[in-house]
C-alpha atoms as a PDB file:
ATOM      1  CA  MET A   1      48.593 -62.272 101.347  1.00  0.00           C
ATOM      2  CA  ALA A   2      45.890 -61.128  99.151  1.00  0.00           C
ATOM      3  CA  THR A   3      42.719 -63.111  99.205  1.00  0.00           C
ATOM      4  CA  ASP A   4      40.655 -63.609  96.077  1.00  0.00           C
ATOM      5  CA  VAL A   5      37.191 -62.312  96.472  1.00  0.00           C
ATOM      6  CA  GLN A   6      34.628 -64.352  94.510  1.00  0.00           C
ATOM      7  CA  VAL A   7      31.544 -62.577  93.321  1.00  0.00           C
ATOM      8  CA  PRO A   8      28.552 -64.855  93.523  1.00  0.00           C
ATOM      9  CA  ASP A   9      26.953 -65.808  90.148  1.00  0.00           C
ATOM     10  CA  ASP A  10      23.156 -65.522  90.358  1.00  0.00           C
ATOM     11  CA  ARG A  11      22.597 -67.438  87.016  1.00  0.00           C
ATOM     12  CA  PRO A  12      21.479 -71.007  87.534  1.00  0.00           C
ATOM     13  CA  ALA A  13      23.942 -73.699  86.687  1.00  0.00           C
ATOM     14  CA  GLY A  14      23.827 -74.672  82.995  1.00  0.00           C
ATOM     15  CA  GLY A  15      21.933 -71.458  81.983  1.00  0.00           C
ATOM     16  CA  SER A  16      24.407 -70.586  79.256  1.00  0.00           C
ATOM     17  CA  SER A  17      23.879 -73.923  77.552  1.00  0.00           C
ATOM     18  CA  ARG A  18      20.105 -73.609  77.679  1.00  0.00           C
ATOM     19  CA  PHE A  19      20.294 -70.102  76.233  1.00  0.00           C
ATOM     20  CA  ARG A  20      22.322 -71.328  73.307  1.00  0.00           C
ATOM     21  CA  ARG A  21      19.861 -74.125  72.682  1.00  0.00           C
ATOM     22  CA  ALA A  22      16.923 -71.694  72.793  1.00  0.00           C
ATOM     23  CA  ALA A  23      18.641 -69.374  70.349  1.00  0.00           C
ATOM     24  CA  ALA A  24      19.295 -72.284  68.033  1.00  0.00           C
ATOM     25  CA  VAL A  25      15.631 -73.310  68.206  1.00  0.00           C
ATOM     26  CA  VAL A  26      14.521 -69.780  67.396  1.00  0.00           C
ATOM     27  CA  ALA A  27      16.942 -69.587  64.487  1.00  0.00           C
ATOM     28  CA  LEU A  28      15.791 -72.960  63.188  1.00  0.00           C
ATOM     29  CA  THR A  29      12.142 -71.917  63.472  1.00  0.00           C
ATOM     30  CA  LEU A  30      12.785 -68.703  61.600  1.00  0.00           C
ATOM     31  CA  GLY A  31      14.685 -70.642  58.964  1.00  0.00           C
ATOM     32  CA  LEU A  32      11.814 -73.062  58.531  1.00  0.00           C
ATOM     33  CA  PHE A  33       9.366 -70.194  58.158  1.00  0.00           C
ATOM     34  CA  GLY A  34      11.604 -68.628  55.534  1.00  0.00           C
ATOM     35  CA  PHE A  35      11.916 -71.916  53.664  1.00  0.00           C
ATOM     36  CA  ALA A  36       8.176 -72.427  53.764  1.00  0.00           C
ATOM     37  CA  ALA A  37       7.580 -68.914  52.469  1.00  0.00           C
ATOM     38  CA  SER A  38      10.044 -69.509  49.648  1.00  0.00           C
ATOM     39  CA  GLY A  39       8.333 -72.788  48.814  1.00  0.00           C
ATOM     40  CA  ILE A  40       4.940 -71.111  48.695  1.00  0.00           C
ATOM     41  CA  GLY A  41       6.343 -68.424  46.422  1.00  0.00           C
ATOM     42  CA  ILE A  42       7.798 -71.015  44.059  1.00  0.00           C
ATOM     43  CA  ALA A  43       4.558 -72.977  44.060  1.00  0.00           C
ATOM     44  CA  VAL A  44       2.506 -69.877  43.284  1.00  0.00           C
ATOM     45  CA  ALA A  45       4.879 -69.007  40.463  1.00  0.00           C
ATOM     46  CA  LEU A  46       4.585 -72.494  39.011  1.00  0.00           C
ATOM     47  CA  LEU A  47       0.815 -72.815  39.311  1.00  0.00           C
ATOM     48  CA  PRO A  48      -1.155 -71.957  36.156  1.00  0.00           C
ATOM     49  CA  ARG A  49      -2.498 -68.434  36.117  1.00  0.00           C
ATOM     50  CA  HIS A  50      -5.658 -67.630  34.213  1.00  0.00           C
ATOM     51  CA  PHE A  51      -6.842 -64.732  32.107  1.00  0.00           C
ATOM     52  CA  THR A  52      -9.962 -62.965  33.242  1.00  0.00           C
ATOM     53  CA  ALA A  53     -13.135 -63.671  31.317  1.00  0.00           C
ATOM     54  CA  SER A  54     -12.809 -60.281  29.626  1.00  0.00           C
ATOM     55  CA  GLN A  55      -9.208 -60.974  28.609  1.00  0.00           C
ATOM     56  CA  GLN A  56     -10.164 -64.400  27.261  1.00  0.00           C
ATOM     57  CA  GLN A  57     -12.911 -62.870  25.132  1.00  0.00           C
ATOM     58  CA  GLN A  58     -10.566 -60.190  23.790  1.00  0.00           C
ATOM     59  CA  ILE A  59      -7.986 -62.805  22.791  1.00  0.00           C
ATOM     60  CA  MET A  60     -10.571 -65.023  21.101  1.00  0.00           C
ATOM     61  CA  SER A  61     -12.026 -62.042  19.223  1.00  0.00           C
ATOM     62  CA  TRP A  62      -8.540 -61.114  18.062  1.00  0.00           C
ATOM     63  CA  GLN A  63      -7.925 -64.677  16.852  1.00  0.00           C
ATOM     64  CA  ILE A  64     -11.207 -64.792  14.929  1.00  0.00           C
ATOM     65  CA  GLY A  65     -10.686 -61.336  13.439  1.00  0.00           C
ATOM     66  CA  GLY A  66      -7.267 -62.305  12.080  1.00  0.00           C
ATOM     67  CA  ARG A  67      -8.318 -65.481  10.308  1.00  0.00           C
ATOM     68  CA  TRP A  68      -8.965 -63.805   6.974  1.00  0.00           C
ATOM     69  CA  ARG A  69      -5.300 -62.765   6.901  1.00  0.00           C
ATOM     70  CA  ASN A  70      -3.720 -65.770   8.608  1.00  0.00           C
ATOM     71  CA  LEU A  71      -5.529 -68.705   7.007  1.00  0.00           C
ATOM     72  CA  PRO A  72      -4.543 -69.885   3.509  1.00  0.00           C
ATOM     73  CA  ALA A  73      -7.145 -69.097   0.850  1.00  0.00           C
ATOM     74  CA  GLY A  74      -7.645 -72.817   0.275  1.00  0.00           C
ATOM     75  CA  GLN A  75      -8.609 -73.229   3.932  1.00  0.00           C
ATOM     76  CA  ILE A  76     -11.070 -70.339   3.928  1.00  0.00           C
ATOM     77  CA  PHE A  77     -12.565 -71.717   0.710  1.00  0.00           C
ATOM     78  CA  PRO A  78     -12.095 -75.520   0.798  1.00  0.00           C
ATOM     79  CA  HIS A  79     -11.684 -77.401  -2.467  1.00  0.00           C
ATOM     80  CA  ALA A  80     -14.895 -79.401  -1.902  1.00  0.00           C
ATOM     81  CA  ILE A  81     -17.832 -78.716   0.405  1.00  0.00           C
ATOM     82  CA  THR A  82     -20.526 -81.246   1.250  1.00  0.00           C
ATOM     83  CA  TYR A  83     -24.113 -80.009   1.343  1.00  0.00           C
ATOM     84  CA  ARG A  84     -27.378 -81.828   1.877  1.00  0.00           C
ATOM     85  CA  LEU A  85     -30.539 -82.007  -0.184  1.00  0.00           C
ATOM     86  CA  PRO A  86     -33.479 -82.455   2.169  1.00  0.00           C
ATOM     87  CA  VAL A  87     -35.987 -85.247   1.747  1.00  0.00           C
ATOM     88  CA  SER A  88     -38.565 -82.767   0.507  1.00  0.00           C
ATOM     89  CA  VAL A  89     -36.352 -81.965  -2.490  1.00  0.00           C
ATOM     90  CA  ILE A  90     -35.477 -85.476  -3.634  1.00  0.00           C
ATOM     91  CA  GLN A  91     -38.791 -87.041  -2.586  1.00  0.00           C
ATOM     92  CA  GLY A  92     -37.024 -89.955  -0.971  1.00  0.00           C
ATOM     93  CA  ASP A  93     -36.754 -91.548   2.430  1.00  0.00           C
ATOM     94  CA  LEU A  94     -33.344 -90.090   3.326  1.00  0.00           C
ATOM     95  CA  PRO A  95     -31.589 -86.784   2.602  1.00  0.00           C
ATOM     96  CA  LEU A  96     -28.884 -86.833  -0.056  1.00  0.00           C
ATOM     97  CA  ASP A  97     -25.347 -85.555   0.518  1.00  0.00           C
ATOM     98  CA  LEU A  98     -23.700 -83.894  -2.480  1.00  0.00           C
ATOM     99  CA  GLN A  99     -20.512 -81.912  -3.069  1.00  0.00           C
ATOM    100  CA  ALA A 100     -19.858 -78.450  -4.395  1.00  0.00           C
ATOM    101  CA  VAL A 101     -16.429 -78.122  -6.003  1.00  0.00           C
ATOM    102  CA  ARG A 102     -14.393 -74.933  -5.972  1.00  0.00           C
ATOM    103  CA  VAL A 103     -13.457 -73.773  -9.443  1.00  0.00           C
ATOM    104  CA  ALA A 104     -11.731 -70.473  -8.701  1.00  0.00           C
ATOM    105  CA  ILE A 105     -10.656 -68.044  -5.996  1.00  0.00           C
ATOM    106  CA  ALA A 106     -10.742 -64.366  -6.923  1.00  0.00           C
ATOM    107  CA  PRO A 107      -8.112 -61.917  -5.648  1.00  0.00           C
ATOM    108  CA  ALA A 108      -9.126 -59.954  -2.553  1.00  0.00           C
ATOM    109  CA  SER A 109     -10.940 -56.779  -3.573  1.00  0.00           C
ATOM    110  CA  GLY A 110     -12.211 -53.545  -2.148  1.00  0.00           C
ATOM    111  CA  CYS A 111     -15.662 -53.669  -0.625  1.00  0.00           C
ATOM    112  CA  ALA A 112     -17.398 -51.494  -3.217  1.00  0.00           C
ATOM    113  CA  ALA A 113     -16.058 -53.519  -6.134  1.00  0.00           C
ATOM    114  CA  ALA A 114     -17.382 -56.789  -4.701  1.00  0.00           C
ATOM    115  CA  VAL A 115     -21.062 -55.895  -4.278  1.00  0.00           C
ATOM    116  CA  THR A 116     -23.852 -55.258  -6.733  1.00  0.00           C
ATOM    117  CA  ASP A 117     -24.829 -51.653  -6.116  1.00  0.00           C
ATOM    118  CA  SER A 118     -23.776 -48.364  -4.534  1.00  0.00           C
ATOM    119  CA  ALA A 119     -26.241 -48.696  -1.661  1.00  0.00           C
ATOM    120  CA  ALA A 120     -24.643 -51.959  -0.564  1.00  0.00           C
ATOM    121  CA  ALA A 121     -21.170 -50.448  -1.005  1.00  0.00           C
ATOM    122  CA  SER A 122     -22.123 -47.451   1.136  1.00  0.00           C
ATOM    123  CA  LEU A 123     -23.530 -49.690   3.853  1.00  0.00           C
ATOM    124  CA  LEU A 124     -20.319 -51.692   3.993  1.00  0.00           C
ATOM    125  CA  HIS A 125     -18.208 -48.533   4.034  1.00  0.00           C
ATOM    126  CA  ARG A 126     -20.197 -46.964   6.900  1.00  0.00           C
ATOM    127  CA  ASN A 127     -19.674 -50.070   8.998  1.00  0.00           C
ATOM    128  CA  GLY A 128     -15.909 -50.288   8.480  1.00  0.00           C
ATOM    129  CA  CYS A 129     -15.558 -52.946   5.772  1.00  0.00           C
ATOM    130  CA  GLN A 130     -11.876 -53.649   5.065  1.00  0.00           C
ATOM    131  CA  ALA A 131     -11.959 -56.105   2.148  1.00  0.00           C
ATOM    132  CA  VAL A 132     -14.006 -58.813   0.457  1.00  0.00           C
ATOM    133  CA  LEU A 133     -12.766 -62.315  -0.379  1.00  0.00           C
ATOM    134  CA  ARG A 134     -14.640 -64.351  -3.011  1.00  0.00           C
ATOM    135  CA  ALA A 135     -14.629 -67.830  -4.513  1.00  0.00           C
ATOM    136  CA  THR A 136     -16.813 -69.719  -6.991  1.00  0.00           C
ATOM    137  CA  TYR A 137     -18.214 -73.259  -6.700  1.00  0.00           C
ATOM    138  CA  VAL A 138     -20.226 -75.532  -8.997  1.00  0.00           C
ATOM    139  CA  ASP A 139     -22.261 -78.601  -8.161  1.00  0.00           C
ATOM    140  CA  GLU A 140     -21.199 -82.084  -9.278  1.00  0.00           C
ATOM    141  CA  THR A 141     -23.273 -81.894 -12.450  1.00  0.00           C
ATOM    142  CA  SER A 142     -22.154 -78.330 -13.294  1.00  0.00           C
ATOM    143  CA  SER A 143     -25.807 -77.295 -13.334  1.00  0.00           C
ATOM    144  CA  PHE A 144     -25.551 -74.609 -10.650  1.00  0.00           C
ATOM    145  CA  VAL A 145     -22.854 -72.116  -9.739  1.00  0.00           C
ATOM    146  CA  VAL A 146     -22.426 -70.006  -6.601  1.00  0.00           C
ATOM    147  CA  THR A 147     -20.127 -67.162  -5.653  1.00  0.00           C
ATOM    148  CA  VAL A 148     -19.501 -66.883  -1.923  1.00  0.00           C
ATOM    149  CA  GLY A 149     -18.025 -63.643  -0.597  1.00  0.00           C
ATOM    150  CA  VAL A 150     -16.615 -62.742   2.813  1.00  0.00           C
ATOM    151  CA  ALA A 151     -16.788 -59.076   3.838  1.00  0.00           C
ATOM    152  CA  VAL A 152     -14.298 -58.323   6.623  1.00  0.00           C
ATOM    153  CA  LEU A 153     -15.841 -56.043   9.261  1.00  0.00           C
ATOM    154  CA  PRO A 154     -14.482 -54.788  12.596  1.00  0.00           C
ATOM    155  CA  THR A 155     -17.055 -56.365  14.945  1.00  0.00           C
ATOM    156  CA  PRO A 156     -19.874 -58.928  14.981  1.00  0.00           C
ATOM    157  CA  ARG A 157     -22.307 -56.069  15.520  1.00  0.00           C
ATOM    158  CA  ALA A 158     -21.136 -54.387  12.320  1.00  0.00           C
ATOM    159  CA  ALA A 159     -21.587 -57.646  10.392  1.00  0.00           C
ATOM    160  CA  THR A 160     -25.128 -58.045  11.728  1.00  0.00           C
ATOM    161  CA  THR A 161     -25.967 -54.438  10.872  1.00  0.00           C
ATOM    162  CA  VAL A 162     -24.816 -54.830   7.269  1.00  0.00           C
ATOM    163  CA  SER A 163     -26.634 -58.146   6.907  1.00  0.00           C
ATOM    164  CA  SER A 164     -29.897 -56.562   8.058  1.00  0.00           C
ATOM    165  CA  GLY A 165     -29.393 -53.606   5.751  1.00  0.00           C
ATOM    166  CA  LEU A 166     -28.695 -55.724   2.695  1.00  0.00           C
ATOM    167  CA  ALA A 167     -31.798 -57.803   3.304  1.00  0.00           C
ATOM    168  CA  GLY A 168     -33.864 -54.666   2.812  1.00  0.00           C
ATOM    169  CA  THR A 169     -32.110 -53.514  -0.372  1.00  0.00           C
ATOM    170  CA  ARG A 170     -33.490 -54.844  -3.647  1.00  0.00           C
ATOM    171  CA  LEU A 171     -31.870 -54.828  -7.060  1.00  0.00           C
ATOM    172  CA  ALA A 172     -33.189 -56.014 -10.428  1.00  0.00           C
ATOM    173  CA  ALA A 173     -30.647 -58.455 -11.831  1.00  0.00           C
ATOM    174  CA  ALA A 174     -29.211 -57.466 -15.195  1.00  0.00           C
ATOM    175  CA  ARG A 175     -30.609 -59.182 -18.300  1.00  0.00           C
ATOM    176  CA  ALA A 176     -33.380 -60.909 -16.361  1.00  0.00           C
ATOM    177  CA  ALA A 177     -36.816 -60.067 -15.081  1.00  0.00           C
ATOM    178  CA  VAL A 178     -36.050 -61.244 -11.589  1.00  0.00           C
ATOM    179  CA  VAL A 179     -35.553 -59.245  -8.432  1.00  0.00           C
ATOM    180  CA  VAL A 180     -33.027 -60.479  -5.894  1.00  0.00           C
ATOM    181  CA  PRO A 181     -31.491 -58.796  -2.837  1.00  0.00           C
ATOM    182  CA  ALA A 182     -28.357 -56.747  -3.315  1.00  0.00           C
ATOM    183  CA  GLY A 183     -25.234 -58.553  -2.232  1.00  0.00           C
ATOM    184  CA  VAL A 184     -22.047 -60.110  -3.503  1.00  0.00           C
ATOM    185  CA  ARG A 185     -21.135 -59.551  -7.120  1.00  0.00           C
ATOM    186  CA  THR A 186     -20.655 -62.781  -9.043  1.00  0.00           C
ATOM    187  CA  VAL A 187     -17.071 -63.519 -10.050  1.00  0.00           C
ATOM    188  CA  HIS A 188     -16.548 -63.009 -13.779  1.00  0.00           C
ATOM    189  CA  PHE A 189     -13.854 -64.765 -15.753  1.00  0.00           C
ATOM    190  CA  THR A 190     -12.445 -64.461 -19.245  1.00  0.00           C
ATOM    191  CA  GLY A 191     -11.524 -67.118 -21.760  1.00  0.00           C
ATOM    192  CA  ALA A 192     -13.044 -70.580 -22.088  1.00  0.00           C
ATOM    193  CA  ALA A 193     -14.455 -70.526 -18.557  1.00  0.00           C
ATOM    194  CA  ALA A 194     -16.391 -67.280 -19.038  1.00  0.00           C
ATOM    195  CA  ALA A 195     -19.561 -68.967 -20.283  1.00  0.00           C
ATOM    196  CA  LEU A 196     -19.665 -71.190 -17.215  1.00  0.00           C
ATOM    197  CA  TYR A 197     -18.941 -68.599 -14.536  1.00  0.00           C
ATOM    198  CA  ASP A 198     -20.458 -65.423 -16.004  1.00  0.00           C
ATOM    199  CA  TYR A 199     -23.952 -66.081 -14.719  1.00  0.00           C
ATOM    200  CA  ILE A 200     -27.026 -64.174 -13.631  1.00  0.00           C
ATOM    201  CA  ARG A 201     -27.860 -64.110  -9.946  1.00  0.00           C
ATOM    202  CA  GLN A 202     -30.999 -66.065  -9.129  1.00  0.00           C
ATOM    203  CA  ILE A 203     -30.536 -66.312  -5.359  1.00  0.00           C
ATOM    204  CA  SER A 204     -28.720 -63.847  -3.146  1.00  0.00           C
ATOM    205  CA  ALA A 205     -28.497 -63.769   0.646  1.00  0.00           C
ATOM    206  CA  THR A 206     -26.174 -63.039   3.567  1.00  0.00           C
ATOM    207  CA  MET A 207     -25.279 -64.477   6.953  1.00  0.00           C
ATOM    208  CA  PRO A 208     -23.116 -62.906   9.696  1.00  0.00           C
ATOM    209  CA  ALA A 209     -20.338 -65.015  11.206  1.00  0.00           C
ATOM    210  CA  GLY A 210     -18.539 -63.150  13.975  1.00  0.00           C
ATOM    211  CA  PRO A 211     -16.920 -60.053  12.434  1.00  0.00           C
ATOM    212  CA  TYR A 212     -17.467 -61.445   8.932  1.00  0.00           C
ATOM    213  CA  LEU A 213     -20.430 -61.092   6.622  1.00  0.00           C
ATOM    214  CA  VAL A 214     -20.741 -64.129   4.370  1.00  0.00           C
ATOM    215  CA  MET A 215     -22.648 -63.296   1.184  1.00  0.00           C
ATOM    216  CA  TYR A 216     -23.649 -65.669  -1.585  1.00  0.00           C
ATOM    217  CA  ALA A 217     -25.189 -65.460  -5.032  1.00  0.00           C
ATOM    218  CA  ALA A 218     -26.189 -68.501  -7.066  1.00  0.00           C
ATOM    219  CA  GLY A 219     -27.496 -69.125 -10.571  1.00  0.00           C
ATOM    220  CA  TYR A 220     -27.630 -71.581 -13.442  1.00  0.00           C
ATOM    221  CA  ALA A 221     -24.278 -72.741 -14.801  1.00  0.00           C
ATOM    222  CA  ASP A 222     -25.306 -74.943 -17.690  1.00  0.00           C
ATOM    223  CA  GLY A 223     -26.585 -72.435 -20.239  1.00  0.00           C
ATOM    224  CA  ARG A 224     -30.264 -73.256 -19.723  1.00  0.00           C
ATOM    225  CA  PRO A 225     -32.787 -70.461 -20.227  1.00  0.00           C
ATOM    226  CA  HIS A 226     -32.822 -68.159 -17.258  1.00  0.00           C
ATOM    227  CA  VAL A 227     -36.203 -69.142 -15.866  1.00  0.00           C
ATOM    228  CA  GLN A 228     -37.147 -67.462 -12.615  1.00  0.00           C
ATOM    229  CA  LEU A 229     -36.778 -69.901  -9.765  1.00  0.00           C
ATOM    230  CA  ALA A 230     -40.286 -69.082  -8.634  1.00  0.00           C
ATOM    231  CA  HIS A 231     -41.416 -71.082 -11.704  1.00  0.00           C
ATOM    232  CA  ASP A 232     -39.094 -74.035 -11.026  1.00  0.00           C
ATOM    233  CA  SER A 233     -39.471 -75.227  -7.446  1.00  0.00           C
ATOM    234  CA  TYR A 234     -37.053 -78.161  -7.766  1.00  0.00           C
ATOM    235  CA  SER A 235     -34.228 -76.022  -9.145  1.00  0.00           C
ATOM    236  CA  GLN A 236     -34.950 -73.417  -6.500  1.00  0.00           C
ATOM    237  CA  ALA A 237     -34.645 -75.956  -3.696  1.00  0.00           C
ATOM    238  CA  GLU A 238     -31.508 -77.602  -5.082  1.00  0.00           C
ATOM    239  CA  MET A 239     -29.771 -74.311  -5.882  1.00  0.00           C
ATOM    240  CA  ALA A 240     -30.656 -72.925  -2.458  1.00  0.00           C
ATOM    241  CA  SER A 241     -29.369 -76.050  -0.703  1.00  0.00           C
ATOM    242  CA  MET A 242     -26.062 -75.796  -2.501  1.00  0.00           C
ATOM    243  CA  ALA A 243     -25.633 -72.054  -1.944  1.00  0.00           C
ATOM    244  CA  GLN A 244     -26.562 -72.224   1.736  1.00  0.00           C
ATOM    245  CA  GLY A 245     -24.366 -75.266   2.285  1.00  0.00           C
ATOM    246  CA  VAL A 246     -21.320 -73.576   0.764  1.00  0.00           C
ATOM    247  CA  ALA A 247     -21.918 -70.308   2.610  1.00  0.00           C
ATOM    248  CA  SER A 248     -22.492 -72.063   5.941  1.00  0.00           C
ATOM    249  CA  SER A 249     -19.275 -74.046   5.598  1.00  0.00           C
ATOM    250  CA  VAL A 250     -17.258 -70.885   4.927  1.00  0.00           C
ATOM    251  CA  ALA A 251     -19.016 -69.057   7.769  1.00  0.00           C
ATOM    252  CA  ASN A 252     -18.336 -71.859  10.247  1.00  0.00           C
ATOM    253  CA  GLY A 253     -14.680 -71.983   9.315  1.00  0.00           C
ATOM    254  CA  LEU A 254     -14.152 -68.262   9.857  1.00  0.00           C
ATOM    255  CA  GLY A 255     -16.504 -67.491  12.710  1.00  0.00           C
ATOM    256  CA  SER A 256     -16.222 -70.560  14.952  1.00  0.00           C
ATOM    257  CA  GLN A 257     -15.045 -69.981  18.513  1.00  0.00           C
ATOM    258  CA  PRO A 258     -11.397 -70.927  19.183  1.00  0.00           C
ATOM    259  CA  ALA A 259     -10.275 -72.801  22.291  1.00  0.00           C
ATOM    260  CA  THR A 260     -10.433 -70.713  25.467  1.00  0.00           C
ATOM    261  CA  PRO A 261      -6.937 -69.277  26.079  1.00  0.00           C
ATOM    262  CA  HIS A 262      -5.094 -69.890  29.366  1.00  0.00           C
ATOM    263  CA  CYS A 263      -2.085 -68.046  30.733  1.00  0.00           C
ATOM    264  CA  PRO A 264       1.011 -70.316  30.845  1.00  0.00           C
ATOM    265  CA  GLY A 265       2.068 -68.924  34.263  1.00  0.00           C
ATOM    266  CA  ASP A 266       5.515 -67.558  33.538  1.00  0.00           C
ATOM    267  CA  ALA A 267       6.779 -64.104  34.428  1.00  0.00           C
ATOM    268  CA  ALA A 268       5.961 -62.729  30.993  1.00  0.00           C
ATOM    269  CA  CYS A 269       2.331 -63.777  31.221  1.00  0.00           C
END
């Protein structure tokens, strides 16, 4: 009769069960690591990502440079602008706030057509001027009138260069023995309003505002004799306050820094 021969098993009793448990633990550990890695990936994807400082500056420059196209004309040139007469002008205890009222917005023009002489036109052209926007304002008593112009340039540096160049260019104003800097050409109108808005420049100046050059020219609007402002200190101070106030308001609206942009964090960012 055949006898079964049993081969001894060297594995300890219960080894198979422990092996399965160890394998399960390893699998669970690996699974947890994978889940954690996935969670980290999701969290990173959901966290806000930020532009670099250079990218932020490029975006803000692009936003500022597009305002002349994107903003409505009535926002670039508000209907009413508040300006302040200093105490030294009114000889009082407190400064006086007044308003300049917009009376017209001229169509956008080429750069050469919007300035007073060929030297100014050439300077704008050399520095990449694209267009000039202009509007006219009068004070509350219709005594003074100012044309404010915005020359659109490619960079802040170009605007500063043109502003410095215009400050050194002089031009004798037509029909008057007064010399004022070259700059924006006053807006001329036809019809009943022509007498009010067709005026001689008494003050002319510029101020850069980012990639824009804000130019202004002011004069008398009430038909009074065209006395040089050097002989009428009160009118000079009041006209200058109005012109500077209007120009500064326009400059601040176009050249102010926008909010710092932040990347929204999605895949397209």
